[in-house]
Amino acid sequence: MHWVLDVTLRCDPAEETSAWERAPRGEDACRIRTGHAPENIALLKRWSINLLNQETSFKRSIRQKARRVSMDKGYLIQVLAASIPLQSNLSNS
């Protein structure tokens, strides 16, 4: 999971312009270090990767799915809907 977080949530190399910006990104370079923030951000990152894994209509990498979610509200709704279990038993009662 750590490798997935580093590879998926890092900056795009094409956007880098200076030597400082070519430093490692992702979990290893995260600068959130005080209070409960590191745990909260780590939880949100793992949760988002799990949501993207559950959505199966767009057969691409997690990174490509994350980029599409950031640009397409309809796909965001689709990813969130894929995480909600169908509960047909509630509708029948």
N, C-alpha and C. Protein backbone atom coordinates (compact mmCIF):
# COMPACT_ATOMS: atom_id res chain seq x y z
N MET A 1 0.83 -1.19 0.00
CA MET A 1 0.00 0.00 0.00
C MET A 1 0.87 1.26 0.00
N HIS A 2 2.00 1.23 0.71
CA HIS A 2 2.86 2.40 0.75
C HIS A 2 3.38 2.74 -0.65
N TRP A 3 3.77 1.73 -1.41
CA TRP A 3 4.26 1.97 -2.76
C TRP A 3 3.17 2.58 -3.62
N VAL A 4 1.94 2.07 -3.49
CA VAL A 4 0.82 2.59 -4.28
C VAL A 4 0.60 4.07 -3.95
N LEU A 5 0.66 4.43 -2.68
CA LEU A 5 0.48 5.83 -2.30
C LEU A 5 1.59 6.70 -2.89
N ASP A 6 2.83 6.23 -2.84
CA ASP A 6 3.94 7.02 -3.38
C ASP A 6 3.82 7.21 -4.88
N VAL A 7 3.48 6.15 -5.60
CA VAL A 7 3.43 6.23 -7.05
C VAL A 7 2.17 6.96 -7.53
N THR A 8 1.05 6.70 -6.90
CA THR A 8 -0.22 7.25 -7.35
C THR A 8 -0.38 8.73 -7.01
N LEU A 9 0.02 9.12 -5.84
CA LEU A 9 -0.27 10.47 -5.37
C LEU A 9 0.92 11.41 -5.46
N ARG A 10 1.85 11.13 -6.35
CA ARG A 10 2.99 12.03 -6.51
C ARG A 10 2.69 13.03 -7.61
N CYS A 11 3.53 14.06 -7.72
CA CYS A 11 3.34 15.07 -8.76
C CYS A 11 3.71 14.49 -10.12
N ASP A 12 3.15 15.05 -11.14
CA ASP A 12 3.44 14.62 -12.50
C ASP A 12 4.83 15.12 -12.90
N PRO A 13 5.75 14.23 -13.36
CA PRO A 13 7.09 14.67 -13.75
C PRO A 13 7.09 15.71 -14.86
N ALA A 14 6.08 15.71 -15.71
CA ALA A 14 6.03 16.68 -16.80
C ALA A 14 5.81 18.10 -16.29
N GLU A 15 5.27 18.24 -15.08
CA GLU A 15 5.00 19.55 -14.52
C GLU A 15 6.19 20.12 -13.75
N GLU A 16 7.22 19.34 -13.54
CA GLU A 16 8.37 19.79 -12.75
C GLU A 16 9.22 20.75 -13.58
N THR A 17 9.72 21.79 -12.91
CA THR A 17 10.51 22.77 -13.64
C THR A 17 11.88 23.01 -13.03
N SER A 18 12.08 22.74 -11.76
CA SER A 18 13.37 23.02 -11.15
C SER A 18 13.90 21.78 -10.44
N ALA A 19 15.17 21.83 -10.02
CA ALA A 19 15.78 20.70 -9.32
C ALA A 19 15.06 20.44 -8.00
N TRP A 20 14.62 21.49 -7.31
CA TRP A 20 13.91 21.30 -6.04
C TRP A 20 12.60 20.55 -6.26
N GLU A 21 11.92 20.84 -7.36
CA GLU A 21 10.64 20.19 -7.63
C GLU A 21 10.80 18.75 -8.07
N ARG A 22 12.01 18.32 -8.42
CA ARG A 22 12.23 16.93 -8.79
C ARG A 22 12.46 16.03 -7.58
N ALA A 23 12.35 16.59 -6.39
CA ALA A 23 12.50 15.80 -5.16
C ALA A 23 11.36 14.79 -5.08
N PRO A 24 11.53 13.72 -4.31
CA PRO A 24 10.48 12.70 -4.20
C PRO A 24 9.17 13.30 -3.72
N ARG A 25 8.11 12.77 -4.22
CA ARG A 25 6.77 13.22 -3.82
C ARG A 25 6.02 12.04 -3.20
N GLY A 26 4.77 12.28 -2.87
CA GLY A 26 3.95 11.21 -2.31
C GLY A 26 4.07 11.16 -0.80
N GLU A 27 3.85 9.99 -0.24
CA GLU A 27 3.87 9.80 1.20
C GLU A 27 5.21 10.19 1.81
N ASP A 28 6.30 9.86 1.17
CA ASP A 28 7.62 10.12 1.73
C ASP A 28 7.94 11.60 1.84
N ALA A 29 7.41 12.40 0.95
CA ALA A 29 7.72 13.83 0.93
C ALA A 29 6.61 14.68 1.55
N CYS A 30 5.62 14.06 2.14
CA CYS A 30 4.50 14.80 2.71
C CYS A 30 5.00 15.69 3.85
N ARG A 31 4.61 16.95 3.85
CA ARG A 31 5.11 17.90 4.84
C ARG A 31 4.11 18.14 5.97
N ILE A 32 3.07 17.37 6.02
CA ILE A 32 2.08 17.51 7.09
C ILE A 32 2.59 16.69 8.28
N ARG A 33 2.99 17.38 9.36
CA ARG A 33 3.66 16.66 10.44
C ARG A 33 3.16 16.99 11.84
N THR A 34 2.20 17.86 12.02
CA THR A 34 1.81 18.26 13.37
C THR A 34 0.41 17.77 13.73
N GLY A 35 0.22 17.51 14.99
CA GLY A 35 -1.09 17.11 15.51
C GLY A 35 -1.57 15.80 14.90
N HIS A 36 -2.87 15.75 14.64
CA HIS A 36 -3.49 14.55 14.07
C HIS A 36 -3.53 14.60 12.54
N ALA A 37 -3.02 15.68 11.97
CA ALA A 37 -3.10 15.86 10.52
C ALA A 37 -2.45 14.73 9.72
N PRO A 38 -1.26 14.20 10.10
CA PRO A 38 -0.68 13.12 9.30
C PRO A 38 -1.57 11.88 9.23
N GLU A 39 -2.15 11.51 10.37
CA GLU A 39 -3.03 10.35 10.39
C GLU A 39 -4.29 10.59 9.57
N ASN A 40 -4.84 11.80 9.69
CA ASN A 40 -6.07 12.12 8.95
C ASN A 40 -5.84 12.12 7.45
N ILE A 41 -4.75 12.73 7.00
CA ILE A 41 -4.44 12.78 5.57
C ILE A 41 -4.14 11.38 5.04
N ALA A 42 -3.38 10.59 5.82
CA ALA A 42 -3.08 9.22 5.40
C ALA A 42 -4.36 8.40 5.26
N LEU A 43 -5.29 8.57 6.19
CA LEU A 43 -6.57 7.87 6.11
C LEU A 43 -7.35 8.28 4.87
N LEU A 44 -7.41 9.58 4.58
CA LEU A 44 -8.12 10.05 3.39
C LEU A 44 -7.49 9.54 2.10
N LYS A 45 -6.16 9.48 2.06
CA LYS A 45 -5.48 8.96 0.87
C LYS A 45 -5.78 7.48 0.67
N ARG A 46 -5.70 6.68 1.74
CA ARG A 46 -6.00 5.25 1.62
C ARG A 46 -7.46 5.03 1.25
N TRP A 47 -8.35 5.83 1.82
CA TRP A 47 -9.78 5.72 1.53
C TRP A 47 -10.05 6.03 0.06
N SER A 48 -9.41 7.09 -0.45
CA SER A 48 -9.63 7.45 -1.86
C SER A 48 -9.12 6.37 -2.80
N ILE A 49 -7.98 5.77 -2.50
CA ILE A 49 -7.47 4.68 -3.34
C ILE A 49 -8.41 3.48 -3.30
N ASN A 50 -8.95 3.17 -2.13
CA ASN A 50 -9.90 2.06 -2.04
C ASN A 50 -11.17 2.34 -2.85
N LEU A 51 -11.66 3.58 -2.80
CA LEU A 51 -12.84 3.94 -3.59
C LEU A 51 -12.56 3.80 -5.08
N LEU A 52 -11.40 4.24 -5.52
CA LEU A 52 -11.04 4.14 -6.93
C LEU A 52 -10.88 2.68 -7.36
N ASN A 53 -10.41 1.83 -6.47
CA ASN A 53 -10.29 0.40 -6.79
C ASN A 53 -11.65 -0.27 -6.94
N GLN A 54 -12.65 0.20 -6.21
CA GLN A 54 -13.97 -0.42 -6.27
C GLN A 54 -14.73 -0.08 -7.55
N GLU A 55 -14.41 1.03 -8.18
CA GLU A 55 -15.08 1.43 -9.42
C GLU A 55 -14.42 0.70 -10.58
N THR A 56 -15.21 -0.06 -11.35
CA THR A 56 -14.63 -0.94 -12.36
C THR A 56 -15.03 -0.59 -13.81
N SER A 57 -15.84 0.44 -14.02
CA SER A 57 -16.27 0.73 -15.39
C SER A 57 -15.17 1.39 -16.22
N PHE A 58 -14.26 2.10 -15.60
CA PHE A 58 -13.16 2.80 -16.27
C PHE A 58 -11.89 1.99 -16.01
N LYS A 59 -11.48 1.19 -16.97
CA LYS A 59 -10.35 0.26 -16.81
C LYS A 59 -9.03 0.98 -17.04
N ARG A 60 -8.59 1.73 -16.04
CA ARG A 60 -7.33 2.46 -16.10
C ARG A 60 -6.62 2.34 -14.75
N SER A 61 -5.44 2.94 -14.66
CA SER A 61 -4.69 2.91 -13.40
C SER A 61 -5.38 3.79 -12.36
N ILE A 62 -5.00 3.60 -11.12
CA ILE A 62 -5.56 4.40 -10.05
C ILE A 62 -5.23 5.87 -10.27
N ARG A 63 -4.03 6.14 -10.73
CA ARG A 63 -3.62 7.52 -10.98
C ARG A 63 -4.47 8.17 -12.07
N GLN A 64 -4.75 7.43 -13.13
CA GLN A 64 -5.59 7.97 -14.20
C GLN A 64 -7.03 8.17 -13.72
N LYS A 65 -7.52 7.23 -12.90
CA LYS A 65 -8.86 7.39 -12.34
C LYS A 65 -8.92 8.62 -11.43
N ALA A 66 -7.89 8.83 -10.62
CA ALA A 66 -7.87 9.99 -9.72
C ALA A 66 -7.87 11.29 -10.52
N ARG A 67 -7.12 11.31 -11.60
CA ARG A 67 -7.09 12.51 -12.44
C ARG A 67 -8.46 12.75 -13.07
N ARG A 68 -9.10 11.68 -13.52
CA ARG A 68 -10.42 11.83 -14.14
C ARG A 68 -11.45 12.31 -13.11
N VAL A 69 -11.37 11.78 -11.88
CA VAL A 69 -12.29 12.22 -10.82
C VAL A 69 -12.13 13.71 -10.56
N SER A 70 -10.90 14.19 -10.61
CA SER A 70 -10.66 15.61 -10.33
C SER A 70 -11.21 16.52 -11.43
N MET A 71 -11.45 15.98 -12.63
CA MET A 71 -11.92 16.81 -13.74
C MET A 71 -13.36 16.56 -14.15
N ASP A 72 -13.95 15.45 -13.69
CA ASP A 72 -15.27 15.06 -14.17
C ASP A 72 -16.18 14.76 -12.98
N LYS A 73 -17.12 15.66 -12.70
CA LYS A 73 -18.02 15.48 -11.56
C LYS A 73 -18.90 14.24 -11.72
N GLY A 74 -19.28 13.93 -12.94
CA GLY A 74 -20.09 12.75 -13.18
C GLY A 74 -19.35 11.47 -12.81
N TYR A 75 -18.07 11.42 -13.13
CA TYR A 75 -17.27 10.25 -12.77
C TYR A 75 -17.05 10.20 -11.26
N LEU A 76 -16.93 11.35 -10.60
CA LEU A 76 -16.82 11.39 -9.15
C LEU A 76 -18.05 10.76 -8.51
N ILE A 77 -19.21 11.10 -9.01
CA ILE A 77 -20.45 10.52 -8.49
C ILE A 77 -20.46 9.01 -8.74
N GLN A 78 -19.98 8.60 -9.90
CA GLN A 78 -19.92 7.17 -10.24
C GLN A 78 -18.99 6.42 -9.29
N VAL A 79 -17.84 7.00 -8.95
CA VAL A 79 -16.90 6.37 -8.03
C VAL A 79 -17.52 6.26 -6.64
N LEU A 80 -18.17 7.33 -6.19
CA LEU A 80 -18.82 7.29 -4.88
C LEU A 80 -19.97 6.30 -4.85
N ALA A 81 -20.73 6.21 -5.94
CA ALA A 81 -21.84 5.27 -6.00
C ALA A 81 -21.35 3.83 -6.00
N ALA A 82 -20.19 3.57 -6.58
CA ALA A 82 -19.65 2.21 -6.61
C ALA A 82 -19.27 1.74 -5.21
N SER A 83 -19.06 2.66 -4.30
CA SER A 83 -18.66 2.27 -2.95
C SER A 83 -19.85 1.99 -2.04
N ILE A 84 -21.04 2.35 -2.49
CA ILE A 84 -22.24 2.13 -1.68
C ILE A 84 -22.79 0.75 -1.99
N PRO A 85 -22.88 -0.11 -0.98
CA PRO A 85 -23.41 -1.46 -1.23
C PRO A 85 -24.91 -1.40 -1.55
N LEU A 86 -25.31 -2.25 -2.46
CA LEU A 86 -26.73 -2.34 -2.79
C LEU A 86 -27.46 -3.04 -1.66
N GLN A 87 -28.50 -2.42 -1.17
CA GLN A 87 -29.26 -3.01 -0.07
C GLN A 87 -30.71 -3.20 -0.51
N SER A 88 -30.91 -4.22 -1.33
CA SER A 88 -32.25 -4.48 -1.84
C SER A 88 -33.20 -4.95 -0.75
N ASN A 89 -32.67 -5.50 0.34
CA ASN A 89 -33.51 -5.96 1.44
C ASN A 89 -34.25 -4.80 2.09
N LEU A 90 -33.67 -3.63 2.15
CA LEU A 90 -34.33 -2.47 2.76
C LEU A 90 -35.47 -1.99 1.90
N SER A 91 -35.33 -2.04 0.60
CA SER A 91 -36.39 -1.55 -0.28
C SER A 91 -37.60 -2.50 -0.32
N ASN A 92 -37.39 -3.77 -0.01
CA ASN A 92 -38.49 -4.73 -0.02
C ASN A 92 -39.31 -4.73 1.25
N SER A 93 -38.80 -4.16 2.33
CA SER A 93 -39.53 -4.21 3.60
C SER A 93 -40.44 -3.05 3.80
